[in-house]
Amino acid sequence: VTKGRPEARITLTYPVLESSWMVVFLVSGAGKRDMLDGILSGRITDVPAARLKPQGQLLWFADRAAAGSWAG
């Protein structure tokens, strides 16, 4: 248990995540729209989610509010 937070946490390093055959991000809410757009368009590269390059698939699941112009 971390200080001030009741939930248990597990930390995974880049080598562990990048050795995965599938990495999935779940993004929700309009407050995440600018960040998601920046990562998917390549404008934002200095955050962990943008730097992750797994061996397998990298999937993004986003609701319409977060997806913005990326929503089909």
PDB file of N, CA and C in Angstrom:
ATOM      1  N   VAL A   1       0.853  -1.181   0.000  1.00  0.00           N
ATOM      2  CA  VAL A   1       0.000   0.000   0.000  1.00  0.00           C
ATOM      3  C   VAL A   1       0.888   1.230   0.000  1.00  0.00           C
ATOM      4  N   THR A   2       0.581   2.170  -0.873  1.00  0.00           N
ATOM      5  CA  THR A   2       1.373   3.386  -0.958  1.00  0.00           C
ATOM      6  C   THR A   2       0.846   4.424   0.018  1.00  0.00           C
ATOM      7  N   LYS A   3       1.693   5.347   0.378  1.00  0.00           N
ATOM      8  CA  LYS A   3       1.293   6.408   1.304  1.00  0.00           C
ATOM      9  C   LYS A   3       0.149   7.220   0.728  1.00  0.00           C
ATOM     10  N   GLY A   4      -0.906   7.367   1.510  1.00  0.00           N
ATOM     11  CA  GLY A   4      -2.017   8.204   1.105  1.00  0.00           C
ATOM     12  C   GLY A   4      -2.936   7.586   0.064  1.00  0.00           C
ATOM     13  N   ARG A   5      -2.616   6.410  -0.417  1.00  0.00           N
ATOM     14  CA  ARG A   5      -3.449   5.755  -1.430  1.00  0.00           C
ATOM     15  C   ARG A   5      -3.789   4.356  -0.948  1.00  0.00           C
ATOM     16  N   PRO A   6      -5.057   4.005  -0.914  1.00  0.00           N
ATOM     17  CA  PRO A   6      -5.458   2.716  -0.364  1.00  0.00           C
ATOM     18  C   PRO A   6      -5.213   1.517  -1.275  1.00  0.00           C
ATOM     19  N   GLU A   7      -5.092   1.744  -2.589  1.00  0.00           N
ATOM     20  CA  GLU A   7      -4.957   0.601  -3.483  1.00  0.00           C
ATOM     21  C   GLU A   7      -3.514   0.116  -3.560  1.00  0.00           C
ATOM     22  N   ALA A   8      -3.376  -1.174  -3.794  1.00  0.00           N
ATOM     23  CA  ALA A   8      -2.045  -1.752  -4.006  1.00  0.00           C
ATOM     24  C   ALA A   8      -1.589  -1.362  -5.406  1.00  0.00           C
ATOM     25  N   ARG A   9      -0.296  -1.169  -5.572  1.00  0.00           N
ATOM     26  CA  ARG A   9       0.239  -0.772  -6.872  1.00  0.00           C
ATOM     27  C   ARG A   9       1.366  -1.701  -7.284  1.00  0.00           C
ATOM     28  N   ILE A  10       1.472  -1.905  -8.578  1.00  0.00           N
ATOM     29  CA  ILE A  10       2.556  -2.688  -9.164  1.00  0.00           C
ATOM     30  C   ILE A  10       3.249  -1.784 -10.176  1.00  0.00           C
ATOM     31  N   THR A  11       4.558  -1.707 -10.111  1.00  0.00           N
ATOM     32  CA  THR A  11       5.316  -0.905 -11.057  1.00  0.00           C
ATOM     33  C   THR A  11       5.971  -1.824 -12.078  1.00  0.00           C
ATOM     34  N   LEU A  12       5.786  -1.509 -13.352  1.00  0.00           N
ATOM     35  CA  LEU A  12       6.412  -2.264 -14.427  1.00  0.00           C
ATOM     36  C   LEU A  12       7.376  -1.342 -15.161  1.00  0.00           C
ATOM     37  N   THR A  13       8.545  -1.851 -15.490  1.00  0.00           N
ATOM     38  CA  THR A  13       9.558  -1.051 -16.170  1.00  0.00           C
ATOM     39  C   THR A  13       9.380  -1.141 -17.690  1.00  0.00           C
ATOM     40  N   TYR A  14      10.042  -0.238 -18.408  1.00  0.00           N
ATOM     41  CA  TYR A  14       9.979  -0.276 -19.870  1.00  0.00           C
ATOM     42  C   TYR A  14      10.379  -1.644 -20.430  1.00  0.00           C
ATOM     43  N   PRO A  15      11.481  -2.257 -19.978  1.00  0.00           N
ATOM     44  CA  PRO A  15      11.828  -3.570 -20.547  1.00  0.00           C
ATOM     45  C   PRO A  15      10.725  -4.611 -20.373  1.00  0.00           C
ATOM     46  N   VAL A  16      10.062  -4.601 -19.243  1.00  0.00           N
ATOM     47  CA  VAL A  16       8.971  -5.556 -19.022  1.00  0.00           C
ATOM     48  C   VAL A  16       7.824  -5.261 -19.976  1.00  0.00           C
ATOM     49  N   LEU A  17       7.400  -4.001 -20.039  1.00  0.00           N
ATOM     50  CA  LEU A  17       6.276  -3.637 -20.904  1.00  0.00           C
ATOM     51  C   LEU A  17       6.607  -3.842 -22.377  1.00  0.00           C
ATOM     52  N   GLU A  18       7.833  -3.504 -22.768  1.00  0.00           N
ATOM     53  CA  GLU A  18       8.203  -3.620 -24.171  1.00  0.00           C
ATOM     54  C   GLU A  18       8.414  -5.060 -24.614  1.00  0.00           C
ATOM     55  N   SER A  19       8.565  -5.980 -23.690  1.00  0.00           N
ATOM     56  CA  SER A  19       8.669  -7.392 -24.050  1.00  0.00           C
ATOM     57  C   SER A  19       7.290  -8.024 -24.233  1.00  0.00           C
ATOM     58  N   SER A  20       6.243  -7.252 -24.010  1.00  0.00           N
ATOM     59  CA  SER A  20       4.875  -7.756 -24.116  1.00  0.00           C
ATOM     60  C   SER A  20       4.454  -7.940 -25.564  1.00  0.00           C
ATOM     61  N   TRP A  21       3.568  -8.898 -25.774  1.00  0.00           N
ATOM     62  CA  TRP A  21       3.017  -9.128 -27.107  1.00  0.00           C
ATOM     63  C   TRP A  21       1.807  -8.246 -27.355  1.00  0.00           C
ATOM     64  N   MET A  22       1.252  -7.678 -26.278  1.00  0.00           N
ATOM     65  CA  MET A  22       0.147  -6.744 -26.436  1.00  0.00           C
ATOM     66  C   MET A  22       0.126  -5.784 -25.255  1.00  0.00           C
ATOM     67  N   VAL A  23       0.061  -4.499 -25.569  1.00  0.00           N
ATOM     68  CA  VAL A  23      -0.066  -3.455 -24.556  1.00  0.00           C
ATOM     69  C   VAL A  23      -1.339  -2.684 -24.892  1.00  0.00           C
ATOM     70  N   VAL A  24      -2.176  -2.459 -23.885  1.00  0.00           N
ATOM     71  CA  VAL A  24      -3.453  -1.795 -24.102  1.00  0.00           C
ATOM     72  C   VAL A  24      -3.563  -0.592 -23.183  1.00  0.00           C
ATOM     73  N   PHE A  25      -3.960   0.539 -23.762  1.00  0.00           N
ATOM     74  CA  PHE A  25      -4.261   1.739 -22.993  1.00  0.00           C
ATOM     75  C   PHE A  25      -5.771   1.958 -23.050  1.00  0.00           C
ATOM     76  N   LEU A  26      -6.348   2.316 -21.934  1.00  0.00           N
ATOM     77  CA  LEU A  26      -7.761   2.667 -21.846  1.00  0.00           C
ATOM     78  C   LEU A  26      -7.833   4.137 -21.473  1.00  0.00           C
ATOM     79  N   VAL A  27      -8.410   4.947 -22.361  1.00  0.00           N
ATOM     80  CA  VAL A  27      -8.434   6.395 -22.181  1.00  0.00           C
ATOM     81  C   VAL A  27      -9.885   6.856 -22.161  1.00  0.00           C
ATOM     82  N   SER A  28     -10.220   7.658 -21.167  1.00  0.00           N
ATOM     83  CA  SER A  28     -11.609   8.061 -21.004  1.00  0.00           C
ATOM     84  C   SER A  28     -11.718   9.539 -20.630  1.00  0.00           C
ATOM     85  N   GLY A  29     -12.654  10.219 -21.258  1.00  0.00           N
ATOM     86  CA  GLY A  29     -12.983  11.585 -20.874  1.00  0.00           C
ATOM     87  C   GLY A  29     -12.338  12.657 -21.735  1.00  0.00           C
ATOM     88  N   ALA A  30     -13.061  13.765 -21.867  1.00  0.00           N
ATOM     89  CA  ALA A  30     -12.597  14.885 -22.681  1.00  0.00           C
ATOM     90  C   ALA A  30     -11.302  15.496 -22.149  1.00  0.00           C
ATOM     91  N   GLY A  31     -11.044  15.343 -20.862  1.00  0.00           N
ATOM     92  CA  GLY A  31      -9.820  15.880 -20.287  1.00  0.00           C
ATOM     93  C   GLY A  31      -8.561  15.196 -20.799  1.00  0.00           C
ATOM     94  N   LYS A  32      -8.700  14.038 -21.404  1.00  0.00           N
ATOM     95  CA  LYS A  32      -7.553  13.301 -21.959  1.00  0.00           C
ATOM     96  C   LYS A  32      -7.391  13.521 -23.460  1.00  0.00           C
ATOM     97  N   ARG A  33      -8.327  14.243 -24.067  1.00  0.00           N
ATOM     98  CA  ARG A  33      -8.338  14.386 -25.528  1.00  0.00           C
ATOM     99  C   ARG A  33      -7.061  14.993 -26.081  1.00  0.00           C
ATOM    100  N   ASP A  34      -6.595  16.097 -25.533  1.00  0.00           N
ATOM    101  CA  ASP A  34      -5.395  16.756 -26.060  1.00  0.00           C
ATOM    102  C   ASP A  34      -4.162  15.866 -25.949  1.00  0.00           C
ATOM    103  N   MET A  35      -4.016  15.170 -24.828  1.00  0.00           N
ATOM    104  CA  MET A  35      -2.868  14.279 -24.647  1.00  0.00           C
ATOM    105  C   MET A  35      -2.930  13.111 -25.625  1.00  0.00           C
ATOM    106  N   LEU A  36      -4.092  12.485 -25.746  1.00  0.00           N
ATOM    107  CA  LEU A  36      -4.227  11.361 -26.674  1.00  0.00           C
ATOM    108  C   LEU A  36      -3.953  11.809 -28.104  1.00  0.00           C
ATOM    109  N   ASP A  37      -4.503  12.932 -28.505  1.00  0.00           N
ATOM    110  CA  ASP A  37      -4.260  13.448 -29.848  1.00  0.00           C
ATOM    111  C   ASP A  37      -2.774  13.721 -30.062  1.00  0.00           C
ATOM    112  N   GLY A  38      -2.131  14.302 -29.076  1.00  0.00           N
ATOM    113  CA  GLY A  38      -0.707  14.589 -29.190  1.00  0.00           C
ATOM    114  C   GLY A  38       0.145  13.337 -29.334  1.00  0.00           C
ATOM    115  N   ILE A  39      -0.192  12.308 -28.583  1.00  0.00           N
ATOM    116  CA  ILE A  39       0.559  11.049 -28.659  1.00  0.00           C
ATOM    117  C   ILE A  39       0.325  10.369 -30.001  1.00  0.00           C
ATOM    118  N   LEU A  40      -0.942  10.239 -30.396  1.00  0.00           N
ATOM    119  CA  LEU A  40      -1.249   9.532 -31.642  1.00  0.00           C
ATOM    120  C   LEU A  40      -0.741  10.274 -32.880  1.00  0.00           C
ATOM    121  N   SER A  41      -0.694  11.591 -32.826  1.00  0.00           N
ATOM    122  CA  SER A  41      -0.212  12.364 -33.970  1.00  0.00           C
ATOM    123  C   SER A  41       1.306  12.514 -33.986  1.00  0.00           C
ATOM    124  N   GLY A  42       1.960  12.153 -32.875  1.00  0.00           N
ATOM    125  CA  GLY A  42       3.410  12.265 -32.799  1.00  0.00           C
ATOM    126  C   GLY A  42       3.913  13.609 -32.302  1.00  0.00           C
ATOM    127  N   ARG A  43       3.000  14.521 -31.967  1.00  0.00           N
ATOM    128  CA  ARG A  43       3.409  15.834 -31.454  1.00  0.00           C
ATOM    129  C   ARG A  43       3.959  15.739 -30.034  1.00  0.00           C
ATOM    130  N   ILE A  44       3.441  14.805 -29.252  1.00  0.00           N
ATOM    131  CA  ILE A  44       3.902  14.630 -27.873  1.00  0.00           C
ATOM    132  C   ILE A  44       4.706  13.339 -27.805  1.00  0.00           C
ATOM    133  N   THR A  45       5.963  13.458 -27.437  1.00  0.00           N
ATOM    134  CA  THR A  45       6.841  12.280 -27.388  1.00  0.00           C
ATOM    135  C   THR A  45       7.543  12.118 -26.049  1.00  0.00           C
ATOM    136  N   ASP A  46       7.315  13.047 -25.130  1.00  0.00           N
ATOM    137  CA  ASP A  46       8.080  13.039 -23.882  1.00  0.00           C
ATOM    138  C   ASP A  46       7.311  12.483 -22.689  1.00  0.00           C
ATOM    139  N   VAL A  47       6.250  11.730 -22.931  1.00  0.00           N
ATOM    140  CA  VAL A  47       5.515  11.088 -21.841  1.00  0.00           C
ATOM    141  C   VAL A  47       5.670   9.572 -21.983  1.00  0.00           C
ATOM    142  N   PRO A  48       5.595   8.831 -20.892  1.00  0.00           N
ATOM    143  CA  PRO A  48       5.812   7.382 -20.952  1.00  0.00           C
ATOM    144  C   PRO A  48       4.952   6.660 -21.988  1.00  0.00           C
ATOM    145  N   ALA A  49       3.692   7.001 -22.101  1.00  0.00           N
ATOM    146  CA  ALA A  49       2.815   6.313 -23.050  1.00  0.00           C
ATOM    147  C   ALA A  49       3.271   6.521 -24.491  1.00  0.00           C
ATOM    148  N   ALA A  50       3.894   7.626 -24.792  1.00  0.00           N
ATOM    149  CA  ALA A  50       4.368   7.904 -26.147  1.00  0.00           C
ATOM    150  C   ALA A  50       5.683   7.197 -26.447  1.00  0.00           C
ATOM    151  N   ARG A  51       6.456   6.903 -25.437  1.00  0.00           N
ATOM    152  CA  ARG A  51       7.776   6.282 -25.632  1.00  0.00           C
ATOM    153  C   ARG A  51       7.721   4.769 -25.677  1.00  0.00           C
ATOM    154  N   LEU A  52       6.629   4.184 -25.292  1.00  0.00           N
ATOM    155  CA  LEU A  52       6.511   2.729 -25.204  1.00  0.00           C
ATOM    156  C   LEU A  52       6.435   2.101 -26.591  1.00  0.00           C
ATOM    157  N   LYS A  53       7.328   1.152 -26.862  1.00  0.00           N
ATOM    158  CA  LYS A  53       7.376   0.460 -28.155  1.00  0.00           C
ATOM    159  C   LYS A  53       7.418  -1.049 -27.904  1.00  0.00           C
ATOM    160  N   PRO A  54       6.253  -1.669 -27.687  1.00  0.00           N
ATOM    161  CA  PRO A  54       6.245  -3.102 -27.386  1.00  0.00           C
ATOM    162  C   PRO A  54       6.611  -3.958 -28.598  1.00  0.00           C
ATOM    163  N   GLN A  55       7.033  -5.198 -28.328  1.00  0.00           N
ATOM    164  CA  GLN A  55       7.339  -6.145 -29.401  1.00  0.00           C
ATOM    165  C   GLN A  55       6.099  -6.484 -30.208  1.00  0.00           C
ATOM    166  N   GLY A  56       4.976  -6.519 -29.534  1.00  0.00           N
ATOM    167  CA  GLY A  56       3.717  -6.893 -30.193  1.00  0.00           C
ATOM    168  C   GLY A  56       2.859  -5.686 -30.484  1.00  0.00           C
ATOM    169  N   GLN A  57       1.563  -5.868 -30.326  1.00  0.00           N
ATOM    170  CA  GLN A  57       0.601  -4.814 -30.646  1.00  0.00           C
ATOM    171  C   GLN A  57       0.481  -3.784 -29.536  1.00  0.00           C
ATOM    172  N   LEU A  58       0.212  -2.564 -29.949  1.00  0.00           N
ATOM    173  CA  LEU A  58      -0.104  -1.481 -29.026  1.00  0.00           C
ATOM    174  C   LEU A  58      -1.506  -1.012 -29.390  1.00  0.00           C
ATOM    175  N   LEU A  59      -2.450  -1.215 -28.484  1.00  0.00           N
ATOM    176  CA  LEU A  59      -3.841  -0.873 -28.744  1.00  0.00           C
ATOM    177  C   LEU A  59      -4.290   0.265 -27.841  1.00  0.00           C
ATOM    178  N   TRP A  60      -5.071   1.157 -28.415  1.00  0.00           N
ATOM    179  CA  TRP A  60      -5.660   2.267 -27.672  1.00  0.00           C
ATOM    180  C   TRP A  60      -7.169   2.111 -27.717  1.00  0.00           C
ATOM    181  N   PHE A  61      -7.804   2.038 -26.556  1.00  0.00           N
ATOM    182  CA  PHE A  61      -9.252   2.055 -26.452  1.00  0.00           C
ATOM    183  C   PHE A  61      -9.620   3.393 -25.826  1.00  0.00           C
ATOM    184  N   ALA A  62     -10.437   4.159 -26.529  1.00  0.00           N
ATOM    185  CA  ALA A  62     -10.814   5.487 -26.039  1.00  0.00           C
ATOM    186  C   ALA A  62     -12.300   5.710 -26.270  1.00  0.00           C
ATOM    187  N   ASP A  63     -12.944   6.362 -25.315  1.00  0.00           N
ATOM    188  CA  ASP A  63     -14.331   6.734 -25.548  1.00  0.00           C
ATOM    189  C   ASP A  63     -14.359   7.927 -26.510  1.00  0.00           C
ATOM    190  N   ARG A  64     -15.531   8.279 -27.003  1.00  0.00           N
ATOM    191  CA  ARG A  64     -15.644   9.373 -27.980  1.00  0.00           C
ATOM    192  C   ARG A  64     -15.145  10.693 -27.429  1.00  0.00           C
ATOM    193  N   ALA A  65     -15.373  10.924 -26.149  1.00  0.00           N
ATOM    194  CA  ALA A  65     -14.942  12.184 -25.539  1.00  0.00           C
ATOM    195  C   ALA A  65     -13.424  12.312 -25.591  1.00  0.00           C
ATOM    196  N   ALA A  66     -12.711  11.241 -25.335  1.00  0.00           N
ATOM    197  CA  ALA A  66     -11.244  11.273 -25.373  1.00  0.00           C
ATOM    198  C   ALA A  66     -10.712  11.211 -26.792  1.00  0.00           C
ATOM    199  N   ALA A  67     -11.383  10.446 -27.645  1.00  0.00           N
ATOM    200  CA  ALA A  67     -10.892  10.225 -29.013  1.00  0.00           C
ATOM    201  C   ALA A  67     -10.983  11.462 -29.887  1.00  0.00           C
ATOM    202  N   GLY A  68     -11.958  12.298 -29.662  1.00  0.00           N
ATOM    203  CA  GLY A  68     -12.079  13.514 -30.478  1.00  0.00           C
ATOM    204  C   GLY A  68     -12.095  13.197 -31.950  1.00  0.00           C
ATOM    205  N   SER A  69     -11.191  13.792 -32.711  1.00  0.00           N
ATOM    206  CA  SER A  69     -11.157  13.600 -34.168  1.00  0.00           C
ATOM    207  C   SER A  69     -10.705  12.206 -34.577  1.00  0.00           C
ATOM    208  N   TRP A  70     -10.163  11.418 -33.660  1.00  0.00           N
ATOM    209  CA  TRP A  70      -9.737  10.057 -33.963  1.00  0.00           C
ATOM    210  C   TRP A  70     -10.915   9.094 -33.984  1.00  0.00           C
ATOM    211  N   ALA A  71     -12.063   9.505 -33.450  1.00  0.00           N
ATOM    212  CA  ALA A  71     -13.243   8.640 -33.423  1.00  0.00           C
ATOM    213  C   ALA A  71     -13.768   8.450 -34.849  1.00  0.00           C
ATOM    214  N   GLY A  72     -14.119   7.235 -35.159  1.00  0.00           N
ATOM    215  CA  GLY A  72     -14.602   6.942 -36.509  1.00  0.00           C
ATOM    216  C   GLY A  72     -16.075   7.065 -36.675  1.00  0.00           C
TER     217      GLY A  72
END
